Amino acid sequence: IVTEIDKKDSATLKKTDCVMMNMVHLFGMSIVAHESAISDQEANAHHTLADQLEIKALLKSTEAKELEWPVIKKDA
């Protein structure tokens, strides 16, 4: 027997995993960007900026998913 609470918990777990994976990915990217900037600031300045913009875009998409979540949950 699947209760409403079970459904809600499994959905919340899936969402948490997704957000955690995004955070891990962003953290990894920020480390790479940081290391490349240290190794050769002049040559990698543009590359680092591109990484930062990509990180910002990913954060925005994650925030958008957060805002959409209640709508998705309600339909389920």
C-alpha atoms as a PDB file:
ATOM      1  CA  ILE A   1       0.000   0.000   0.000  1.00  0.00           C
ATOM      2  CA  VAL A   2       1.463   3.372  -1.058  1.00  0.00           C
ATOM      3  CA  THR A   3       0.326   6.242   1.125  1.00  0.00           C
ATOM      4  CA  GLU A   4       0.312   9.916   0.174  1.00  0.00           C
ATOM      5  CA  ILE A   5       3.238  10.462   2.561  1.00  0.00           C
ATOM      6  CA  ASP A   6       5.313   7.763   0.793  1.00  0.00           C
ATOM      7  CA  LYS A   7       4.669   9.389  -2.594  1.00  0.00           C
ATOM      8  CA  LYS A   8       5.592  12.824  -1.259  1.00  0.00           C
ATOM      9  CA  ASP A   9       8.782  11.532   0.416  1.00  0.00           C
ATOM     10  CA  SER A  10      10.028   9.728  -2.701  1.00  0.00           C
ATOM     11  CA  ALA A  11       9.330  12.821  -4.828  1.00  0.00           C
ATOM     12  CA  THR A  12      11.164  15.014  -2.309  1.00  0.00           C
ATOM     13  CA  LEU A  13      14.112  12.592  -2.297  1.00  0.00           C
ATOM     14  CA  LYS A  14      14.350  12.677  -6.102  1.00  0.00           C
ATOM     15  CA  LYS A  15      14.281  16.478  -6.072  1.00  0.00           C
ATOM     16  CA  THR A  16      16.961  16.631  -3.346  1.00  0.00           C
ATOM     17  CA  ASP A  17      19.233  14.257  -5.315  1.00  0.00           C
ATOM     18  CA  CYS A  18      18.856  16.444  -8.407  1.00  0.00           C
ATOM     19  CA  VAL A  19      19.692  19.637  -6.515  1.00  0.00           C
ATOM     20  CA  MET A  20      22.644  17.945  -4.790  1.00  0.00           C
ATOM     21  CA  MET A  21      24.042  16.740  -8.137  1.00  0.00           C
ATOM     22  CA  ASN A  22      23.727  20.290  -9.526  1.00  0.00           C
ATOM     23  CA  MET A  23      25.561  21.696  -6.511  1.00  0.00           C
ATOM     24  CA  VAL A  24      28.351  19.092  -6.795  1.00  0.00           C
ATOM     25  CA  HIS A  25      28.688  19.855 -10.514  1.00  0.00           C
ATOM     26  CA  LEU A  26      28.811  23.620  -9.903  1.00  0.00           C
ATOM     27  CA  PHE A  27      31.343  23.191  -7.101  1.00  0.00           C
ATOM     28  CA  GLY A  28      33.571  21.082  -9.373  1.00  0.00           C
ATOM     29  CA  MET A  29      33.339  23.669 -12.152  1.00  0.00           C
ATOM     30  CA  SER A  30      34.220  26.523  -9.795  1.00  0.00           C
ATOM     31  CA  ILE A  31      37.338  24.641  -8.608  1.00  0.00           C
ATOM     32  CA  VAL A  32      38.454  24.030 -12.205  1.00  0.00           C
ATOM     33  CA  ALA A  33      37.853  27.692 -13.078  1.00  0.00           C
ATOM     34  CA  HIS A  34      39.771  28.805  -9.995  1.00  0.00           C
ATOM     35  CA  GLU A  35      42.762  26.514 -10.705  1.00  0.00           C
ATOM     36  CA  SER A  36      42.998  27.601 -14.335  1.00  0.00           C
ATOM     37  CA  ALA A  37      42.957  31.253 -13.257  1.00  0.00           C
ATOM     38  CA  ILE A  38      45.825  30.650 -10.811  1.00  0.00           C
ATOM     39  CA  SER A  39      47.950  28.695 -13.322  1.00  0.00           C
ATOM     40  CA  ASP A  40      47.924  31.422 -15.997  1.00  0.00           C
ATOM     41  CA  GLN A  41      45.701  34.393 -15.267  1.00  0.00           C
ATOM     42  CA  GLU A  42      46.280  36.217 -18.551  1.00  0.00           C
ATOM     43  CA  ALA A  43      45.688  33.251 -20.858  1.00  0.00           C
ATOM     44  CA  ASN A  44      42.753  31.840 -18.904  1.00  0.00           C
ATOM     45  CA  ALA A  45      40.924  35.058 -17.986  1.00  0.00           C
ATOM     46  CA  HIS A  46      38.394  34.635 -20.800  1.00  0.00           C
ATOM     47  CA  HIS A  47      37.943  30.896 -20.108  1.00  0.00           C
ATOM     48  CA  THR A  48      37.320  31.567 -16.418  1.00  0.00           C
ATOM     49  CA  LEU A  49      34.749  34.251 -17.219  1.00  0.00           C
ATOM     50  CA  ALA A  50      32.959  31.783 -19.528  1.00  0.00           C
ATOM     51  CA  ASP A  51      32.911  29.204 -16.708  1.00  0.00           C
ATOM     52  CA  GLN A  52      31.496  31.768 -14.279  1.00  0.00           C
ATOM     53  CA  LEU A  53      28.753  32.714 -16.735  1.00  0.00           C
ATOM     54  CA  GLU A  54      27.939  29.027 -17.235  1.00  0.00           C
ATOM     55  CA  ILE A  55      27.779  28.527 -13.463  1.00  0.00           C
ATOM     56  CA  LYS A  56      25.420  31.513 -13.151  1.00  0.00           C
ATOM     57  CA  ALA A  57      23.236  30.105 -15.945  1.00  0.00           C
ATOM     58  CA  LEU A  58      23.106  26.700 -14.216  1.00  0.00           C
ATOM     59  CA  LEU A  59      22.219  28.334 -10.900  1.00  0.00           C
ATOM     60  CA  LYS A  60      19.419  30.263 -12.593  1.00  0.00           C
ATOM     61  CA  SER A  61      18.062  27.082 -14.202  1.00  0.00           C
ATOM     62  CA  THR A  62      18.196  25.333 -10.804  1.00  0.00           C
ATOM     63  CA  GLU A  63      16.321  28.241  -9.193  1.00  0.00           C
ATOM     64  CA  ALA A  64      13.739  28.088 -11.983  1.00  0.00           C
ATOM     65  CA  LYS A  65      13.213  24.372 -11.289  1.00  0.00           C
ATOM     66  CA  GLU A  66      12.780  25.178  -7.593  1.00  0.00           C
ATOM     67  CA  LEU A  67      10.029  27.656  -8.458  1.00  0.00           C
ATOM     68  CA  GLU A  68       8.296  25.199 -10.813  1.00  0.00           C
ATOM     69  CA  TRP A  69       8.422  22.340  -8.318  1.00  0.00           C
ATOM     70  CA  PRO A  70       5.131  23.037  -6.424  1.00  0.00           C
ATOM     71  CA  VAL A  71       3.250  23.085  -9.748  1.00  0.00           C
ATOM     72  CA  ILE A  72       4.746  19.732 -10.794  1.00  0.00           C
ATOM     73  CA  LYS A  73       4.062  18.197  -7.368  1.00  0.00           C
ATOM     74  CA  LYS A  74       0.432  19.352  -7.418  1.00  0.00           C
ATOM     75  CA  ASP A  75      -0.193  17.694 -10.809  1.00  0.00           C
ATOM     76  CA  ALA A  76       1.340  14.370  -9.711  1.00  0.00           C
END
